[in-house]
Amino acid sequence: MEYVFLYILIWWSMLVLGLTFFRFQWTSYITPLILSVIPLTFISVMLQIFGLVDLTAIIQPLCAIACFGLIFRFKWVFSLIMVVIPFAVNIVWEFLLNYAVTWFDMNQVLHNLKEDNQFSVGFLISIMNFLLIYVLIKQRWGFSFIPRSSKQPIGFKNGNEKLLAFVFSCFFFIGLSSLAVYYKNQFYIWTMLMVLFIWLLLLRVAFRKDLEE
């Protein structure tokens, strides 16, 4: 039961983070948030019960994209972006927190990630998400190129191939991170570095696009 509460907390913070990154007032989306958190929590619990930890970084973001598209009614391309950016943040934070709580023992980090039973780490991730949300809102940071209404033009004009390329690349390495925990330490570390590197490039390209809009 404690993990149900944990997943509710994590998913709520992650979805709100996705909205906040693009300057949406998350309080205007309470109903879609609730309707999304319920199935996402159920899916996460089922993945843990059936021991499908190696698929979490593939299935979970796909389900989150579906929620942004079907429940929040965002365009699919924007749903993808709104999931990839906060999910990459959480993947990196999960690694760093596990690295810290195991006193920098990489073998123990991989063991914890395989078991996916670190309640304290998950709780800290959600707290860090909420802190980041607070900073983004307080400092008025974020991107605004996503239309405020689904009835507005899609706003994705020429010259966005680079942004989409980075989004799909980041999504690929996020999915690869789940499989990487079953291989050598160096492979997982390189996967994390690629997620972080592409995420930073993605933010840079998104910032440029924001200036063009």
C-alpha atoms as a PDB file:
ATOM      1  CA  MET A   1       0.000   0.000   0.000  1.00  0.00           C
ATOM      2  CA  GLU A   2       2.883   2.366   0.744  1.00  0.00           C
ATOM      3  CA  TYR A   3       4.059   2.070  -2.847  1.00  0.00           C
ATOM      4  CA  VAL A   4       0.622   3.087  -4.105  1.00  0.00           C
ATOM      5  CA  PHE A   5       0.985   6.318  -2.145  1.00  0.00           C
ATOM      6  CA  LEU A   6       4.543   6.716  -3.425  1.00  0.00           C
ATOM      7  CA  TYR A   7       3.577   6.313  -7.078  1.00  0.00           C
ATOM      8  CA  ILE A   8       0.692   8.748  -6.660  1.00  0.00           C
ATOM      9  CA  LEU A   9       3.154  11.281  -5.272  1.00  0.00           C
ATOM     10  CA  ILE A  10       5.759  10.667  -7.976  1.00  0.00           C
ATOM     11  CA  TRP A  11       3.308  10.774 -10.875  1.00  0.00           C
ATOM     12  CA  TRP A  12       1.559  13.870  -9.565  1.00  0.00           C
ATOM     13  CA  SER A  13       4.889  15.678  -9.206  1.00  0.00           C
ATOM     14  CA  MET A  14       6.116  14.510 -12.610  1.00  0.00           C
ATOM     15  CA  LEU A  15       2.980  15.539 -14.508  1.00  0.00           C
ATOM     16  CA  VAL A  16       2.889  18.899 -12.745  1.00  0.00           C
ATOM     17  CA  LEU A  17       6.576  19.325 -13.588  1.00  0.00           C
ATOM     18  CA  GLY A  18       5.800  18.664 -17.246  1.00  0.00           C
ATOM     19  CA  LEU A  19       3.106  21.352 -17.180  1.00  0.00           C
ATOM     20  CA  THR A  20       5.291  23.801 -15.270  1.00  0.00           C
ATOM     21  CA  PHE A  21       8.227  23.430 -17.663  1.00  0.00           C
ATOM     22  CA  PHE A  22       5.929  24.921 -20.307  1.00  0.00           C
ATOM     23  CA  ARG A  23       4.396  27.601 -18.073  1.00  0.00           C
ATOM     24  CA  PHE A  24       0.981  26.029 -17.716  1.00  0.00           C
ATOM     25  CA  GLN A  25      -0.866  26.747 -14.480  1.00  0.00           C
ATOM     26  CA  TRP A  26      -1.174  23.233 -13.126  1.00  0.00           C
ATOM     27  CA  THR A  27      -4.045  24.233 -10.835  1.00  0.00           C
ATOM     28  CA  SER A  28      -6.178  24.589 -13.970  1.00  0.00           C
ATOM     29  CA  TYR A  29      -5.647  20.889 -14.720  1.00  0.00           C
ATOM     30  CA  ILE A  30      -6.664  19.251 -11.440  1.00  0.00           C
ATOM     31  CA  THR A  31      -9.241  16.935 -13.047  1.00  0.00           C
ATOM     32  CA  PRO A  32      -6.929  15.708 -15.862  1.00  0.00           C
ATOM     33  CA  LEU A  33      -4.170  15.244 -13.290  1.00  0.00           C
ATOM     34  CA  ILE A  34      -6.362  13.028 -11.120  1.00  0.00           C
ATOM     35  CA  LEU A  35      -7.645  11.064 -14.120  1.00  0.00           C
ATOM     36  CA  SER A  36      -4.053  10.514 -15.284  1.00  0.00           C
ATOM     37  CA  VAL A  37      -2.434   9.689 -11.945  1.00  0.00           C
ATOM     38  CA  ILE A  38      -4.882   6.847 -11.225  1.00  0.00           C
ATOM     39  CA  PRO A  39      -4.064   4.646 -14.275  1.00  0.00           C
ATOM     40  CA  LEU A  40      -0.370   5.586 -14.200  1.00  0.00           C
ATOM     41  CA  THR A  41      -0.144   4.509 -10.563  1.00  0.00           C
ATOM     42  CA  PHE A  42      -1.969   1.255 -11.323  1.00  0.00           C
ATOM     43  CA  ILE A  43       0.383   0.475 -14.229  1.00  0.00           C
ATOM     44  CA  SER A  44       3.468   1.256 -12.123  1.00  0.00           C
ATOM     45  CA  VAL A  45       2.292  -1.016  -9.308  1.00  0.00           C
ATOM     46  CA  MET A  46       1.560  -3.826 -11.781  1.00  0.00           C
ATOM     47  CA  LEU A  47       5.030  -3.496 -13.313  1.00  0.00           C
ATOM     48  CA  GLN A  48       6.547  -3.848  -9.864  1.00  0.00           C
ATOM     49  CA  ILE A  49       4.327  -6.772  -8.829  1.00  0.00           C
ATOM     50  CA  PHE A  50       5.163  -8.737 -11.984  1.00  0.00           C
ATOM     51  CA  GLY A  51       8.859  -7.860 -11.804  1.00  0.00           C
ATOM     52  CA  LEU A  52       8.971  -5.976 -15.100  1.00  0.00           C
ATOM     53  CA  VAL A  53      11.418  -3.360 -13.856  1.00  0.00           C
ATOM     54  CA  ASP A  54      13.404  -3.561 -17.092  1.00  0.00           C
ATOM     55  CA  LEU A  55      10.401  -2.157 -18.970  1.00  0.00           C
ATOM     56  CA  THR A  56       9.483   0.692 -16.624  1.00  0.00           C
ATOM     57  CA  ALA A  57      11.398   3.398 -18.492  1.00  0.00           C
ATOM     58  CA  ILE A  58       9.679   2.301 -21.707  1.00  0.00           C
ATOM     59  CA  ILE A  59       6.092   1.599 -20.647  1.00  0.00           C
ATOM     60  CA  GLN A  60       5.735   4.413 -18.103  1.00  0.00           C
ATOM     61  CA  PRO A  61       6.664   7.307 -20.430  1.00  0.00           C
ATOM     62  CA  LEU A  62       4.496   5.845 -23.212  1.00  0.00           C
ATOM     63  CA  CYS A  63       1.537   5.739 -20.824  1.00  0.00           C
ATOM     64  CA  ALA A  64       2.268   9.290 -19.653  1.00  0.00           C
ATOM     65  CA  ILE A  65       2.334  10.470 -23.278  1.00  0.00           C
ATOM     66  CA  ALA A  66      -1.038   8.782 -23.807  1.00  0.00           C
ATOM     67  CA  CYS A  67      -2.437  10.617 -20.767  1.00  0.00           C
ATOM     68  CA  PHE A  68      -1.217  14.011 -21.972  1.00  0.00           C
ATOM     69  CA  GLY A  69      -2.679  13.299 -25.395  1.00  0.00           C
ATOM     70  CA  LEU A  70      -5.995  11.659 -24.484  1.00  0.00           C
ATOM     71  CA  ILE A  71      -6.861  13.236 -21.128  1.00  0.00           C
ATOM     72  CA  PHE A  72      -5.138  16.627 -21.229  1.00  0.00           C
ATOM     73  CA  ARG A  73      -5.908  16.881 -24.971  1.00  0.00           C
ATOM     74  CA  PHE A  74      -2.483  18.156 -26.001  1.00  0.00           C
ATOM     75  CA  LYS A  75      -1.129  17.499 -29.480  1.00  0.00           C
ATOM     76  CA  TRP A  76       0.819  14.249 -29.533  1.00  0.00           C
ATOM     77  CA  VAL A  77       4.116  15.881 -30.427  1.00  0.00           C
ATOM     78  CA  PHE A  78       3.761  18.258 -27.482  1.00  0.00           C
ATOM     79  CA  SER A  79       2.724  15.385 -25.214  1.00  0.00           C
ATOM     80  CA  LEU A  80       5.972  13.648 -26.120  1.00  0.00           C
ATOM     81  CA  ILE A  81       8.035  16.727 -25.277  1.00  0.00           C
ATOM     82  CA  MET A  82       6.175  17.336 -22.004  1.00  0.00           C
ATOM     83  CA  VAL A  83       6.947  13.782 -20.878  1.00  0.00           C
ATOM     84  CA  VAL A  84      10.539  13.437 -22.081  1.00  0.00           C
ATOM     85  CA  ILE A  85      11.895  16.554 -20.349  1.00  0.00           C
ATOM     86  CA  PRO A  86      10.659  15.791 -16.782  1.00  0.00           C
ATOM     87  CA  PHE A  87      11.215  12.048 -17.203  1.00  0.00           C
ATOM     88  CA  ALA A  88      14.875  12.641 -18.079  1.00  0.00           C
ATOM     89  CA  VAL A  89      15.190  14.778 -14.946  1.00  0.00           C
ATOM     90  CA  ASN A  90      13.762  11.967 -12.813  1.00  0.00           C
ATOM     91  CA  ILE A  91      15.957   9.294 -14.409  1.00  0.00           C
ATOM     92  CA  VAL A  92      19.103  11.279 -13.605  1.00  0.00           C
ATOM     93  CA  TRP A  93      17.908  12.104 -10.094  1.00  0.00           C
ATOM     94  CA  GLU A  94      17.110   8.456  -9.429  1.00  0.00           C
ATOM     95  CA  PHE A  95      20.661   7.521 -10.362  1.00  0.00           C
ATOM     96  CA  LEU A  96      22.265  10.302  -8.308  1.00  0.00           C
ATOM     97  CA  LEU A  97      20.144   9.595  -5.223  1.00  0.00           C
ATOM     98  CA  ASN A  98      20.830   5.854  -5.393  1.00  0.00           C
ATOM     99  CA  TYR A  99      24.508   6.627  -5.866  1.00  0.00           C
ATOM    100  CA  ALA A 100      24.451   8.794  -2.733  1.00  0.00           C
ATOM    101  CA  VAL A 101      22.449   6.475  -0.443  1.00  0.00           C
ATOM    102  CA  THR A 102      24.687   3.502  -1.342  1.00  0.00           C
ATOM    103  CA  TRP A 103      27.803   5.525  -0.545  1.00  0.00           C
ATOM    104  CA  PHE A 104      28.936   5.495  -4.173  1.00  0.00           C
ATOM    105  CA  ASP A 105      28.791   1.718  -4.568  1.00  0.00           C
ATOM    106  CA  MET A 106      27.900   1.233  -8.232  1.00  0.00           C
ATOM    107  CA  ASN A 107      27.111  -2.462  -7.840  1.00  0.00           C
ATOM    108  CA  GLN A 108      24.621  -1.675  -5.085  1.00  0.00           C
ATOM    109  CA  VAL A 109      23.132   1.100  -7.233  1.00  0.00           C
ATOM    110  CA  LEU A 110      22.431  -1.362 -10.040  1.00  0.00           C
ATOM    111  CA  HIS A 111      21.002  -3.851  -7.534  1.00  0.00           C
ATOM    112  CA  ASN A 112      18.620  -1.217  -6.152  1.00  0.00           C
ATOM    113  CA  LEU A 113      17.526  -0.195  -9.637  1.00  0.00           C
ATOM    114  CA  LYS A 114      16.856  -3.815 -10.587  1.00  0.00           C
ATOM    115  CA  GLU A 115      14.786  -4.400  -7.464  1.00  0.00           C
ATOM    116  CA  ASP A 116      13.044  -1.005  -7.729  1.00  0.00           C
ATOM    117  CA  ASN A 117      12.111  -1.122  -4.064  1.00  0.00           C
ATOM    118  CA  GLN A 118      13.746   2.018  -2.700  1.00  0.00           C
ATOM    119  CA  PHE A 119      10.835   3.837  -1.076  1.00  0.00           C
ATOM    120  CA  SER A 120      13.078   6.556   0.373  1.00  0.00           C
ATOM    121  CA  VAL A 121      14.653   7.298  -3.015  1.00  0.00           C
ATOM    122  CA  GLY A 122      11.261   7.538  -4.707  1.00  0.00           C
ATOM    123  CA  PHE A 123      10.014   9.863  -1.985  1.00  0.00           C
ATOM    124  CA  LEU A 124      13.094  12.086  -2.357  1.00  0.00           C
ATOM    125  CA  ILE A 125      12.592  12.207  -6.131  1.00  0.00           C
ATOM    126  CA  SER A 126       9.053  13.507  -5.670  1.00  0.00           C
ATOM    127  CA  ILE A 127      10.274  16.093  -3.139  1.00  0.00           C
ATOM    128  CA  MET A 128      12.946  17.272  -5.587  1.00  0.00           C
ATOM    129  CA  ASN A 129      10.293  17.495  -8.296  1.00  0.00           C
ATOM    130  CA  PHE A 130       8.155  19.729  -6.095  1.00  0.00           C
ATOM    131  CA  LEU A 131      11.172  21.895  -5.256  1.00  0.00           C
ATOM    132  CA  LEU A 132      11.968  22.275  -8.950  1.00  0.00           C
ATOM    133  CA  ILE A 133       8.317  23.134  -9.645  1.00  0.00           C
ATOM    134  CA  TYR A 134       8.492  25.824  -6.970  1.00  0.00           C
ATOM    135  CA  VAL A 135      11.683  27.294  -8.453  1.00  0.00           C
ATOM    136  CA  LEU A 136      10.285  27.287 -12.000  1.00  0.00           C
ATOM    137  CA  ILE A 137       7.114  29.058 -10.884  1.00  0.00           C
ATOM    138  CA  LYS A 138       8.915  31.462  -8.549  1.00  0.00           C
ATOM    139  CA  GLN A 139      11.521  32.470 -11.136  1.00  0.00           C
ATOM    140  CA  ARG A 140       9.041  32.295 -14.026  1.00  0.00           C
ATOM    141  CA  TRP A 141      11.316  29.953 -15.947  1.00  0.00           C
ATOM    142  CA  GLY A 142      10.075  27.649 -18.668  1.00  0.00           C
ATOM    143  CA  PHE A 143       9.037  27.501 -22.302  1.00  0.00           C
ATOM    144  CA  SER A 144       5.932  28.944 -23.904  1.00  0.00           C
ATOM    145  CA  PHE A 145       5.898  27.633 -27.487  1.00  0.00           C
ATOM    146  CA  ILE A 146       3.212  25.042 -26.717  1.00  0.00           C
ATOM    147  CA  PRO A 147      -0.244  26.516 -27.514  1.00  0.00           C
ATOM    148  CA  ARG A 148      -2.429  27.305 -24.510  1.00  0.00           C
ATOM    149  CA  SER A 149      -5.444  25.740 -26.245  1.00  0.00           C
ATOM    150  CA  SER A 150      -5.856  22.609 -28.344  1.00  0.00           C
ATOM    151  CA  LYS A 151      -7.831  24.735 -30.807  1.00  0.00           C
ATOM    152  CA  GLN A 152      -4.840  26.930 -31.542  1.00  0.00           C
ATOM    153  CA  PRO A 153      -2.579  26.165 -34.511  1.00  0.00           C
ATOM    154  CA  ILE A 154      -0.061  23.466 -33.772  1.00  0.00           C
ATOM    155  CA  GLY A 155       2.747  26.007 -33.844  1.00  0.00           C
ATOM    156  CA  PHE A 156       5.305  23.520 -35.109  1.00  0.00           C
ATOM    157  CA  LYS A 157       6.728  25.151 -38.202  1.00  0.00           C
ATOM    158  CA  ASN A 158       9.785  24.528 -40.311  1.00  0.00           C
ATOM    159  CA  GLY A 159      13.118  24.214 -38.580  1.00  0.00           C
ATOM    160  CA  ASN A 160      11.889  21.991 -35.751  1.00  0.00           C
ATOM    161  CA  GLU A 161      13.503  18.806 -37.022  1.00  0.00           C
ATOM    162  CA  LYS A 162      16.417  19.325 -34.633  1.00  0.00           C
ATOM    163  CA  LEU A 163      14.092  19.658 -31.636  1.00  0.00           C
ATOM    164  CA  LEU A 164      12.206  16.494 -32.564  1.00  0.00           C
ATOM    165  CA  ALA A 165      15.471  14.646 -33.176  1.00  0.00           C
ATOM    166  CA  PHE A 166      16.676  15.479 -29.666  1.00  0.00           C
ATOM    167  CA  VAL A 167      13.282  14.557 -28.175  1.00  0.00           C
ATOM    168  CA  PHE A 168      13.273  11.117 -29.803  1.00  0.00           C
ATOM    169  CA  SER A 169      16.961  10.582 -28.974  1.00  0.00           C
ATOM    170  CA  CYS A 170      16.338  11.421 -25.330  1.00  0.00           C
ATOM    171  CA  PHE A 171      13.297   9.122 -25.297  1.00  0.00           C
ATOM    172  CA  PHE A 172      15.423   6.319 -26.765  1.00  0.00           C
ATOM    173  CA  PHE A 173      18.129   6.610 -24.107  1.00  0.00           C
ATOM    174  CA  ILE A 174      15.525   6.883 -21.333  1.00  0.00           C
ATOM    175  CA  GLY A 175      14.116   3.547 -22.491  1.00  0.00           C
ATOM    176  CA  LEU A 176      17.618   2.121 -22.816  1.00  0.00           C
ATOM    177  CA  SER A 177      18.391   3.082 -19.216  1.00  0.00           C
ATOM    178  CA  SER A 178      16.024   0.375 -17.914  1.00  0.00           C
ATOM    179  CA  LEU A 179      17.805  -2.303 -19.910  1.00  0.00           C
ATOM    180  CA  ALA A 180      21.249  -0.912 -19.085  1.00  0.00           C
ATOM    181  CA  VAL A 181      20.995  -1.859 -15.390  1.00  0.00           C
ATOM    182  CA  TYR A 182      21.329  -5.519 -16.404  1.00  0.00           C
ATOM    183  CA  TYR A 183      24.678  -4.950 -18.090  1.00  0.00           C
ATOM    184  CA  LYS A 184      28.071  -3.650 -17.033  1.00  0.00           C
ATOM    185  CA  ASN A 185      28.416  -0.591 -14.825  1.00  0.00           C
ATOM    186  CA  GLN A 186      30.138   1.375 -17.569  1.00  0.00           C
ATOM    187  CA  PHE A 187      27.244   0.824 -19.973  1.00  0.00           C
ATOM    188  CA  TYR A 188      24.718   2.174 -17.485  1.00  0.00           C
ATOM    189  CA  ILE A 189      26.903   5.180 -16.651  1.00  0.00           C
ATOM    190  CA  TRP A 190      27.325   6.023 -20.332  1.00  0.00           C
ATOM    191  CA  THR A 191      23.569   5.717 -20.807  1.00  0.00           C
ATOM    192  CA  MET A 192      22.976   8.184 -17.955  1.00  0.00           C
ATOM    193  CA  LEU A 193      25.545  10.574 -19.400  1.00  0.00           C
ATOM    194  CA  MET A 194      23.840  10.406 -22.794  1.00  0.00           C
ATOM    195  CA  VAL A 195      20.434  11.107 -21.224  1.00  0.00           C
ATOM    196  CA  LEU A 196      21.863  14.135 -19.409  1.00  0.00           C
ATOM    197  CA  PHE A 197      23.788  15.386 -22.459  1.00  0.00           C
ATOM    198  CA  ILE A 198      20.853  15.095 -24.860  1.00  0.00           C
ATOM    199  CA  TRP A 199      18.520  16.600 -22.241  1.00  0.00           C
ATOM    200  CA  LEU A 200      20.763  19.677 -22.004  1.00  0.00           C
ATOM    201  CA  LEU A 201      20.879  19.970 -25.794  1.00  0.00           C
ATOM    202  CA  LEU A 202      17.103  19.579 -25.883  1.00  0.00           C
ATOM    203  CA  LEU A 203      16.686  22.449 -23.420  1.00  0.00           C
ATOM    204  CA  ARG A 204      19.027  24.591 -25.524  1.00  0.00           C
ATOM    205  CA  VAL A 205      17.082  23.918 -28.731  1.00  0.00           C
ATOM    206  CA  ALA A 206      13.755  24.447 -26.916  1.00  0.00           C
ATOM    207  CA  PHE A 207      15.033  27.780 -25.590  1.00  0.00           C
ATOM    208  CA  ARG A 208      15.956  28.894 -29.105  1.00  0.00           C
ATOM    209  CA  LYS A 209      12.546  27.850 -30.372  1.00  0.00           C
ATOM    210  CA  ASP A 210      10.916  29.789 -27.556  1.00  0.00           C
ATOM    211  CA  LEU A 211      12.750  32.923 -28.685  1.00  0.00           C
ATOM    212  CA  GLU A 212      11.560  32.403 -32.261  1.00  0.00           C
ATOM    213  CA  GLU A 213       7.871  32.104 -31.322  1.00  0.00           C
END
